């Protein structure tokens, strides 16, 4: 009996995950993640006391929310970049070594193959994000008293953004080299984050900045809006529901773009 589509996808996704865990970049990811957590531990260790800013003494507790937002937002952007880097060659590698031809010679839909390769790459990135963001949120909660719900919502926004960046990176990898794809991922995430940050502060963006703000996914905006309760009463003037819906729409669209592009991609025998 022919296996079901879900069984085929799960088998392919398991193989893709196994391939992802054997990549040389995984130990580096673990090392950088450990360094990130040590930095967060050091940053959150001074949960009490005072600091001096412009000659004025300010209690550390008063800026804990802003510090926590900066920590979680920065780590979230790094997790999205990581997702893009992991996806930048996870589909093209089996295409170049010929293993994709063997799989696709069976009754395996192209969409299932591409989706499984994306799932394998994102599984590593998302597992890293859950650990790094989860530990960071726990430290901020225990040492600074910041509530966990905003951090959980920011984590969901980070995971959704990782799907967007990973899908777009995998699509782009079909058209250019791995190094070029990785560089473009970093430029894309950096540019969107910069424009999103300016938009949240109310800075006039101009025509180009406004176009980027409107036409690109709200990667950092969604994370910052989720963390807004930490900086109460200063809340970004953005509707969180609309922002999350826009990010979800981008998530669905980016995966769809990957599947359509791969279905039309000419695979060399």
C-alpha atoms as a PDB file:
ATOM      1  CA  UNK A   1       0.000   0.000   0.000  1.00  0.00           C
ATOM      2  CA  UNK A   2       1.296   3.439  -0.910  1.00  0.00           C
ATOM      3  CA  UNK A   3       2.223   5.481   2.192  1.00  0.00           C
ATOM      4  CA  UNK A   4       0.150   8.559   2.946  1.00  0.00           C
ATOM      5  CA  UNK A   5       1.373  12.083   2.211  1.00  0.00           C
ATOM      6  CA  UNK A   6       1.835  12.804   5.917  1.00  0.00           C
ATOM      7  CA  UNK A   7       3.908   9.635   6.373  1.00  0.00           C
ATOM      8  CA  UNK A   8       6.112  10.600   3.419  1.00  0.00           C
ATOM      9  CA  UNK A   9       6.601  14.101   4.797  1.00  0.00           C
ATOM     10  CA  UNK A  10       7.471  12.844   8.280  1.00  0.00           C
ATOM     11  CA  UNK A  11      10.033  10.425   6.866  1.00  0.00           C
ATOM     12  CA  UNK A  12      11.613  13.133   4.732  1.00  0.00           C
ATOM     13  CA  UNK A  13      11.577  15.610   7.625  1.00  0.00           C
ATOM     14  CA  UNK A  14      13.293  13.072   9.886  1.00  0.00           C
ATOM     15  CA  UNK A  15      16.023  12.564   7.305  1.00  0.00           C
ATOM     16  CA  UNK A  16      16.386  16.329   6.881  1.00  0.00           C
ATOM     17  CA  UNK A  17      16.677  16.813  10.645  1.00  0.00           C
ATOM     18  CA  UNK A  18      19.309  14.094  10.879  1.00  0.00           C
ATOM     19  CA  UNK A  19      21.254  15.771   8.059  1.00  0.00           C
ATOM     20  CA  UNK A  20      20.978  19.105   9.878  1.00  0.00           C
ATOM     21  CA  UNK A  21      22.336  17.722  13.146  1.00  0.00           C
ATOM     22  CA  UNK A  22      25.442  16.370  11.375  1.00  0.00           C
ATOM     23  CA  UNK A  23      26.435  19.714   9.896  1.00  0.00           C
ATOM     24  CA  UNK A  24      29.686  21.284  11.027  1.00  0.00           C
ATOM     25  CA  UNK A  25      27.920  24.522  11.957  1.00  0.00           C
ATOM     26  CA  UNK A  26      25.936  22.852  14.770  1.00  0.00           C
ATOM     27  CA  UNK A  27      28.823  22.811  17.317  1.00  0.00           C
ATOM     28  CA  UNK A  28      29.466  26.464  16.484  1.00  0.00           C
ATOM     29  CA  UNK A  29      25.796  27.242  17.107  1.00  0.00           C
ATOM     30  CA  UNK A  30      26.012  25.537  20.490  1.00  0.00           C
ATOM     31  CA  UNK A  31      29.152  27.504  21.380  1.00  0.00           C
ATOM     32  CA  UNK A  32      27.722  30.876  20.342  1.00  0.00           C
ATOM     33  CA  UNK A  33      24.472  30.117  22.170  1.00  0.00           C
ATOM     34  CA  UNK A  34      26.426  29.344  25.341  1.00  0.00           C
ATOM     35  CA  UNK A  35      28.333  32.618  25.019  1.00  0.00           C
ATOM     36  CA  UNK A  36      25.028  34.443  24.519  1.00  0.00           C
ATOM     37  CA  UNK A  37      23.569  32.918  27.677  1.00  0.00           C
ATOM     38  CA  UNK A  38      26.678  33.797  29.667  1.00  0.00           C
ATOM     39  CA  UNK A  39      26.348  37.383  28.440  1.00  0.00           C
ATOM     40  CA  UNK A  40      22.685  37.466  29.460  1.00  0.00           C
ATOM     41  CA  UNK A  41      23.586  36.004  32.843  1.00  0.00           C
ATOM     42  CA  UNK A  42      26.165  38.745  33.346  1.00  0.00           C
ATOM     43  CA  UNK A  43      23.761  41.443  32.126  1.00  0.00           C
ATOM     44  CA  UNK A  44      20.933  40.365  34.416  1.00  0.00           C
ATOM     45  CA  UNK A  45      23.071  39.731  37.498  1.00  0.00           C
ATOM     46  CA  UNK A  46      22.890  43.392  38.545  1.00  0.00           C
ATOM     47  CA  UNK A  47      19.162  43.382  39.223  1.00  0.00           C
ATOM     48  CA  UNK A  48      19.429  45.829  42.125  1.00  0.00           C
ATOM     49  CA  UNK A  49      21.409  48.930  42.931  1.00  0.00           C
ATOM     50  CA  UNK A  50      21.825  52.233  41.120  1.00  0.00           C
ATOM     51  CA  UNK A  51      23.563  53.560  38.053  1.00  0.00           C
ATOM     52  CA  UNK A  52      24.596  57.098  37.171  1.00  0.00           C
ATOM     53  CA  UNK A  53      23.385  58.604  33.901  1.00  0.00           C
ATOM     54  CA  UNK A  54      24.045  62.260  33.003  1.00  0.00           C
ATOM     55  CA  UNK A  55      24.896  62.976  36.611  1.00  0.00           C
ATOM     56  CA  UNK A  56      21.642  61.501  37.913  1.00  0.00           C
ATOM     57  CA  UNK A  57      21.323  58.344  39.979  1.00  0.00           C
ATOM     58  CA  UNK A  58      18.814  55.943  38.449  1.00  0.00           C
ATOM     59  CA  UNK A  59      17.713  52.672  40.117  1.00  0.00           C
ATOM     60  CA  UNK A  60      18.545  49.651  37.975  1.00  0.00           C
ATOM     61  CA  UNK A  61      14.997  48.372  38.517  1.00  0.00           C
ATOM     62  CA  UNK A  62      13.595  51.340  36.584  1.00  0.00           C
ATOM     63  CA  UNK A  63      15.394  50.376  33.391  1.00  0.00           C
ATOM     64  CA  UNK A  64      15.046  46.605  33.792  1.00  0.00           C
ATOM     65  CA  UNK A  65      12.203  46.499  31.268  1.00  0.00           C
ATOM     66  CA  UNK A  66      14.198  48.331  28.619  1.00  0.00           C
ATOM     67  CA  UNK A  67      17.225  46.163  29.279  1.00  0.00           C
ATOM     68  CA  UNK A  68      15.105  43.023  29.018  1.00  0.00           C
ATOM     69  CA  UNK A  69      13.527  44.222  25.780  1.00  0.00           C
ATOM     70  CA  UNK A  70      16.945  44.924  24.269  1.00  0.00           C
ATOM     71  CA  UNK A  71      18.220  41.483  25.315  1.00  0.00           C
ATOM     72  CA  UNK A  72      15.244  39.489  23.996  1.00  0.00           C
ATOM     73  CA  UNK A  73      14.933  41.545  20.792  1.00  0.00           C
ATOM     74  CA  UNK A  74      18.646  41.204  19.996  1.00  0.00           C
ATOM     75  CA  UNK A  75      18.628  37.462  20.638  1.00  0.00           C
ATOM     76  CA  UNK A  76      15.478  37.082  18.526  1.00  0.00           C
ATOM     77  CA  UNK A  77      17.107  38.773  15.561  1.00  0.00           C
ATOM     78  CA  UNK A  78      20.146  36.518  15.936  1.00  0.00           C
ATOM     79  CA  UNK A  79      17.860  33.455  15.978  1.00  0.00           C
ATOM     80  CA  UNK A  80      16.235  34.603  12.729  1.00  0.00           C
ATOM     81  CA  UNK A  81      19.627  35.074  11.092  1.00  0.00           C
ATOM     82  CA  UNK A  82      20.582  31.604  12.299  1.00  0.00           C
ATOM     83  CA  UNK A  83      17.459  30.143  10.681  1.00  0.00           C
ATOM     84  CA  UNK A  84      18.366  31.792   7.390  1.00  0.00           C
ATOM     85  CA  UNK A  85      21.962  30.564   7.499  1.00  0.00           C
ATOM     86  CA  UNK A  86      20.901  26.997   8.286  1.00  0.00           C
ATOM     87  CA  UNK A  87      18.374  27.056   5.438  1.00  0.00           C
ATOM     88  CA  UNK A  88      20.783  28.648   2.965  1.00  0.00           C
ATOM     89  CA  UNK A  89      22.112  25.302   1.724  1.00  0.00           C
ATOM     90  CA  UNK A  90      19.896  22.671   3.294  1.00  0.00           C
ATOM     91  CA  UNK A  91      17.917  22.272   0.074  1.00  0.00           C
ATOM     92  CA  UNK A  92      20.683  22.861  -2.454  1.00  0.00           C
ATOM     93  CA  UNK A  93      23.073  20.376  -0.811  1.00  0.00           C
ATOM     94  CA  UNK A  94      21.033  17.264  -1.755  1.00  0.00           C
ATOM     95  CA  UNK A  95      20.507  18.810  -5.178  1.00  0.00           C
ATOM     96  CA  UNK A  96      24.250  19.157  -5.729  1.00  0.00           C
ATOM     97  CA  UNK A  97      25.227  15.701  -4.440  1.00  0.00           C
ATOM     98  CA  UNK A  98      22.467  13.950  -6.380  1.00  0.00           C
ATOM     99  CA  UNK A  99      20.582  12.514  -3.403  1.00  0.00           C
ATOM    100  CA  UNK A 100      17.553  14.659  -4.219  1.00  0.00           C
ATOM    101  CA  UNK A 101      17.265  12.941  -7.610  1.00  0.00           C
ATOM    102  CA  UNK A 102      17.062   9.539  -5.911  1.00  0.00           C
ATOM    103  CA  UNK A 103      14.321  10.726  -3.564  1.00  0.00           C
ATOM    104  CA  UNK A 104      12.319  12.531  -6.235  1.00  0.00           C
ATOM    105  CA  UNK A 105      12.548   9.541  -8.588  1.00  0.00           C
ATOM    106  CA  UNK A 106      10.065   7.892  -6.234  1.00  0.00           C
ATOM    107  CA  UNK A 107       6.453   9.118  -5.991  1.00  0.00           C
ATOM    108  CA  UNK A 108       7.495  11.986  -3.716  1.00  0.00           C
ATOM    109  CA  UNK A 109       5.955  15.424  -4.371  1.00  0.00           C
ATOM    110  CA  UNK A 110       8.466  18.216  -4.789  1.00  0.00           C
ATOM    111  CA  UNK A 111       6.576  20.320  -2.290  1.00  0.00           C
ATOM    112  CA  UNK A 112       6.895  17.617   0.364  1.00  0.00           C
ATOM    113  CA  UNK A 113      10.632  17.351  -0.261  1.00  0.00           C
ATOM    114  CA  UNK A 114      11.235  21.123  -0.041  1.00  0.00           C
ATOM    115  CA  UNK A 115       8.960  21.473   2.977  1.00  0.00           C
ATOM    116  CA  UNK A 116      10.746  18.642   4.769  1.00  0.00           C
ATOM    117  CA  UNK A 117      14.170  20.151   4.120  1.00  0.00           C
ATOM    118  CA  UNK A 118      12.888  23.483   5.484  1.00  0.00           C
ATOM    119  CA  UNK A 119      11.461  21.743   8.552  1.00  0.00           C
ATOM    120  CA  UNK A 120      14.793  20.030   9.228  1.00  0.00           C
ATOM    121  CA  UNK A 121      16.731  23.288   9.113  1.00  0.00           C
ATOM    122  CA  UNK A 122      14.151  25.200  11.149  1.00  0.00           C
ATOM    123  CA  UNK A 123      14.014  22.484  13.812  1.00  0.00           C
ATOM    124  CA  UNK A 124      17.629  23.199  14.765  1.00  0.00           C
ATOM    125  CA  UNK A 125      17.109  26.973  14.713  1.00  0.00           C
ATOM    126  CA  UNK A 126      13.872  26.809  16.687  1.00  0.00           C
ATOM    127  CA  UNK A 127      15.262  24.437  19.295  1.00  0.00           C
ATOM    128  CA  UNK A 128      18.133  26.863  19.789  1.00  0.00           C
ATOM    129  CA  UNK A 129      15.704  29.781  20.035  1.00  0.00           C
ATOM    130  CA  UNK A 130      13.563  28.012  22.631  1.00  0.00           C
ATOM    131  CA  UNK A 131      16.587  27.293  24.823  1.00  0.00           C
ATOM    132  CA  UNK A 132      18.283  30.691  24.465  1.00  0.00           C
ATOM    133  CA  UNK A 133      15.135  32.810  24.746  1.00  0.00           C
ATOM    134  CA  UNK A 134      13.618  30.584  27.406  1.00  0.00           C
ATOM    135  CA  UNK A 135      16.662  30.740  29.681  1.00  0.00           C
ATOM    136  CA  UNK A 136      17.024  34.484  29.084  1.00  0.00           C
ATOM    137  CA  UNK A 137      13.358  35.110  29.927  1.00  0.00           C
ATOM    138  CA  UNK A 138      13.662  32.997  33.063  1.00  0.00           C
ATOM    139  CA  UNK A 139      16.712  34.973  34.217  1.00  0.00           C
ATOM    140  CA  UNK A 140      14.946  38.282  33.567  1.00  0.00           C
ATOM    141  CA  UNK A 141      11.897  37.053  35.462  1.00  0.00           C
ATOM    142  CA  UNK A 142      13.822  35.791  38.479  1.00  0.00           C
ATOM    143  CA  UNK A 143      16.262  38.681  38.762  1.00  0.00           C
ATOM    144  CA  UNK A 144      14.253  41.655  37.492  1.00  0.00           C
ATOM    145  CA  UNK A 145      10.684  40.540  38.093  1.00  0.00           C
ATOM    146  CA  UNK A 146       9.672  40.861  34.434  1.00  0.00           C
ATOM    147  CA  UNK A 147       6.530  38.843  33.572  1.00  0.00           C
ATOM    148  CA  UNK A 148       6.932  35.752  31.406  1.00  0.00           C
ATOM    149  CA  UNK A 149       3.872  36.167  29.145  1.00  0.00           C
ATOM    150  CA  UNK A 150       5.352  39.012  27.039  1.00  0.00           C
ATOM    151  CA  UNK A 151       8.538  36.967  26.627  1.00  0.00           C
ATOM    152  CA  UNK A 152       6.492  33.955  25.492  1.00  0.00           C
ATOM    153  CA  UNK A 153       4.655  36.080  22.911  1.00  0.00           C
ATOM    154  CA  UNK A 154       7.963  37.543  21.741  1.00  0.00           C
ATOM    155  CA  UNK A 155       9.287  33.994  21.420  1.00  0.00           C
ATOM    156  CA  UNK A 156       6.346  33.058  19.200  1.00  0.00           C
ATOM    157  CA  UNK A 157       7.025  36.141  17.071  1.00  0.00           C
ATOM    158  CA  UNK A 158      10.675  35.069  16.834  1.00  0.00           C
ATOM    159  CA  UNK A 159       9.702  31.569  15.701  1.00  0.00           C
ATOM    160  CA  UNK A 160       7.336  32.983  13.078  1.00  0.00           C
ATOM    161  CA  UNK A 161      10.055  35.346  11.871  1.00  0.00           C
ATOM    162  CA  UNK A 162      12.466  32.407  11.685  1.00  0.00           C
ATOM    163  CA  UNK A 163      10.059  30.607   9.346  1.00  0.00           C
ATOM    164  CA  UNK A 164       9.892  33.712   7.147  1.00  0.00           C
ATOM    165  CA  UNK A 165      13.648  34.226   6.984  1.00  0.00           C
ATOM    166  CA  UNK A 166      14.389  30.513   6.585  1.00  0.00           C
ATOM    167  CA  UNK A 167      11.851  30.099   3.772  1.00  0.00           C
ATOM    168  CA  UNK A 168      13.071  33.155   1.883  1.00  0.00           C
ATOM    169  CA  UNK A 169      16.704  32.090   2.344  1.00  0.00           C
ATOM    170  CA  UNK A 170      15.975  28.595   1.027  1.00  0.00           C
ATOM    171  CA  UNK A 171      14.175  30.078  -1.971  1.00  0.00           C
ATOM    172  CA  UNK A 172      17.068  32.435  -2.654  1.00  0.00           C
ATOM    173  CA  UNK A 173      19.556  29.554  -2.388  1.00  0.00           C
ATOM    174  CA  UNK A 174      18.056  28.094  -5.562  1.00  0.00           C
ATOM    175  CA  UNK A 175      19.234  31.182  -7.445  1.00  0.00           C
ATOM    176  CA  UNK A 176      22.599  32.015  -5.906  1.00  0.00           C
ATOM    177  CA  UNK A 177      25.461  30.563  -3.877  1.00  0.00           C
ATOM    178  CA  UNK A 178      25.409  29.590  -0.212  1.00  0.00           C
ATOM    179  CA  UNK A 179      27.790  32.382   0.811  1.00  0.00           C
ATOM    180  CA  UNK A 180      25.807  34.999  -1.099  1.00  0.00           C
ATOM    181  CA  UNK A 181      22.564  33.726   0.415  1.00  0.00           C
ATOM    182  CA  UNK A 182      23.961  33.879   3.959  1.00  0.00           C
ATOM    183  CA  UNK A 183      25.250  37.413   3.403  1.00  0.00           C
ATOM    184  CA  UNK A 184      21.929  38.544   1.953  1.00  0.00           C
ATOM    185  CA  UNK A 185      20.121  37.045   4.951  1.00  0.00           C
ATOM    186  CA  UNK A 186      22.234  39.110   7.345  1.00  0.00           C
ATOM    187  CA  UNK A 187      21.749  42.270   5.280  1.00  0.00           C
ATOM    188  CA  UNK A 188      17.994  41.670   4.991  1.00  0.00           C
ATOM    189  CA  UNK A 189      17.426  41.022   8.695  1.00  0.00           C
ATOM    190  CA  UNK A 190      19.689  43.921   9.652  1.00  0.00           C
ATOM    191  CA  UNK A 191      17.992  46.379   7.295  1.00  0.00           C
ATOM    192  CA  UNK A 192      14.469  45.362   8.315  1.00  0.00           C
ATOM    193  CA  UNK A 193      15.410  45.549  12.005  1.00  0.00           C
ATOM    194  CA  UNK A 194      16.907  49.008  11.555  1.00  0.00           C
ATOM    195  CA  UNK A 195      13.851  50.342   9.704  1.00  0.00           C
ATOM    196  CA  UNK A 196      11.460  48.698  12.167  1.00  0.00           C
ATOM    197  CA  UNK A 197      13.330  50.300  15.064  1.00  0.00           C
ATOM    198  CA  UNK A 198      13.181  53.733  13.474  1.00  0.00           C
ATOM    199  CA  UNK A 199       9.475  53.284  12.808  1.00  0.00           C
ATOM    200  CA  UNK A 200       8.797  52.439  16.452  1.00  0.00           C
ATOM    201  CA  UNK A 201      10.562  55.604  17.600  1.00  0.00           C
ATOM    202  CA  UNK A 202       8.459  57.776  15.295  1.00  0.00           C
ATOM    203  CA  UNK A 203      11.361  58.882  13.083  1.00  0.00           C
ATOM    204  CA  UNK A 204      10.419  60.099   9.604  1.00  0.00           C
ATOM    205  CA  UNK A 205      11.462  57.225   7.327  1.00  0.00           C
ATOM    206  CA  UNK A 206      11.208  58.835   3.916  1.00  0.00           C
ATOM    207  CA  UNK A 207       9.984  57.110   0.754  1.00  0.00           C
ATOM    208  CA  UNK A 208      12.502  54.251   0.748  1.00  0.00           C
ATOM    209  CA  UNK A 209      12.228  53.582   4.470  1.00  0.00           C
ATOM    210  CA  UNK A 210       8.446  53.661   4.362  1.00  0.00           C
ATOM    211  CA  UNK A 211       8.433  51.199   1.453  1.00  0.00           C
ATOM    212  CA  UNK A 212      10.675  48.827   3.393  1.00  0.00           C
ATOM    213  CA  UNK A 213       8.505  49.202   6.487  1.00  0.00           C
ATOM    214  CA  UNK A 214       5.296  48.458   4.587  1.00  0.00           C
ATOM    215  CA  UNK A 215       6.500  45.765   2.169  1.00  0.00           C
ATOM    216  CA  UNK A 216       8.745  43.686   4.429  1.00  0.00           C
ATOM    217  CA  UNK A 217       7.834  41.409   7.340  1.00  0.00           C
ATOM    218  CA  UNK A 218       7.707  43.101  10.771  1.00  0.00           C
ATOM    219  CA  UNK A 219      10.520  40.988  12.181  1.00  0.00           C
ATOM    220  CA  UNK A 220      11.650  43.161  15.080  1.00  0.00           C
ATOM    221  CA  UNK A 221       8.436  45.187  15.379  1.00  0.00           C
ATOM    222  CA  UNK A 222       6.431  42.097  16.302  1.00  0.00           C
ATOM    223  CA  UNK A 223       8.975  41.120  18.959  1.00  0.00           C
ATOM    224  CA  UNK A 224       9.163  44.610  20.473  1.00  0.00           C
ATOM    225  CA  UNK A 225       5.386  45.059  20.497  1.00  0.00           C
ATOM    226  CA  UNK A 226       5.027  41.742  22.334  1.00  0.00           C
ATOM    227  CA  UNK A 227       7.481  43.008  24.971  1.00  0.00           C
ATOM    228  CA  UNK A 228       5.751  46.389  25.346  1.00  0.00           C
ATOM    229  CA  UNK A 229       4.317  45.565  28.832  1.00  0.00           C
ATOM    230  CA  UNK A 230       7.892  45.469  30.118  1.00  0.00           C
ATOM    231  CA  UNK A 231       8.313  49.177  29.339  1.00  0.00           C
ATOM    232  CA  UNK A 232       4.878  50.321  30.492  1.00  0.00           C
ATOM    233  CA  UNK A 233       3.680  53.073  30.324  1.00  0.00           C
ATOM    234  CA  UNK A 234       5.821  53.638  27.223  1.00  0.00           C
ATOM    235  CA  UNK A 235       4.109  51.421  24.636  1.00  0.00           C
ATOM    236  CA  UNK A 236       4.808  51.449  20.881  1.00  0.00           C
ATOM    237  CA  UNK A 237       1.921  53.015  18.982  1.00  0.00           C
ATOM    238  CA  UNK A 238       1.288  49.830  17.000  1.00  0.00           C
ATOM    239  CA  UNK A 239      -1.696  47.478  17.033  1.00  0.00           C
ATOM    240  CA  UNK A 240      -0.230  44.139  18.227  1.00  0.00           C
ATOM    241  CA  UNK A 241      -2.999  42.075  16.606  1.00  0.00           C
ATOM    242  CA  UNK A 242      -2.433  43.641  13.188  1.00  0.00           C
ATOM    243  CA  UNK A 243       1.306  43.202  13.582  1.00  0.00           C
ATOM    244  CA  UNK A 244       0.984  39.501  14.430  1.00  0.00           C
ATOM    245  CA  UNK A 245      -1.475  38.937  11.592  1.00  0.00           C
ATOM    246  CA  UNK A 246       0.945  40.580   9.170  1.00  0.00           C
ATOM    247  CA  UNK A 247       3.782  38.359  10.392  1.00  0.00           C
ATOM    248  CA  UNK A 248       1.598  35.243  10.084  1.00  0.00           C
ATOM    249  CA  UNK A 249       0.627  36.262   6.546  1.00  0.00           C
ATOM    250  CA  UNK A 250       4.304  36.621   5.692  1.00  0.00           C
ATOM    251  CA  UNK A 251       5.005  33.210   7.204  1.00  0.00           C
ATOM    252  CA  UNK A 252       2.398  31.525   5.013  1.00  0.00           C
ATOM    253  CA  UNK A 253       3.419  33.498   1.937  1.00  0.00           C
ATOM    254  CA  UNK A 254       7.156  32.791   2.332  1.00  0.00           C
ATOM    255  CA  UNK A 255       6.590  29.035   2.591  1.00  0.00           C
ATOM    256  CA  UNK A 256       4.285  29.225  -0.423  1.00  0.00           C
ATOM    257  CA  UNK A 257       6.920  31.109  -2.424  1.00  0.00           C
ATOM    258  CA  UNK A 258       9.460  28.385  -1.623  1.00  0.00           C
ATOM    259  CA  UNK A 259       7.146  25.566  -2.688  1.00  0.00           C
ATOM    260  CA  UNK A 260       6.098  27.271  -5.924  1.00  0.00           C
ATOM    261  CA  UNK A 261       9.697  28.169  -6.810  1.00  0.00           C
ATOM    262  CA  UNK A 262      10.966  24.638  -6.169  1.00  0.00           C
ATOM    263  CA  UNK A 263       8.130  23.113  -8.199  1.00  0.00           C
ATOM    264  CA  UNK A 264       9.311  25.173 -11.171  1.00  0.00           C
ATOM    265  CA  UNK A 265      13.013  24.690 -10.499  1.00  0.00           C
ATOM    266  CA  UNK A 266      14.919  22.694 -13.108  1.00  0.00           C
ATOM    267  CA  UNK A 267      16.803  19.891 -11.402  1.00  0.00           C
ATOM    268  CA  UNK A 268      19.881  18.713 -13.259  1.00  0.00           C
ATOM    269  CA  UNK A 269      20.216  14.964 -13.644  1.00  0.00           C
END
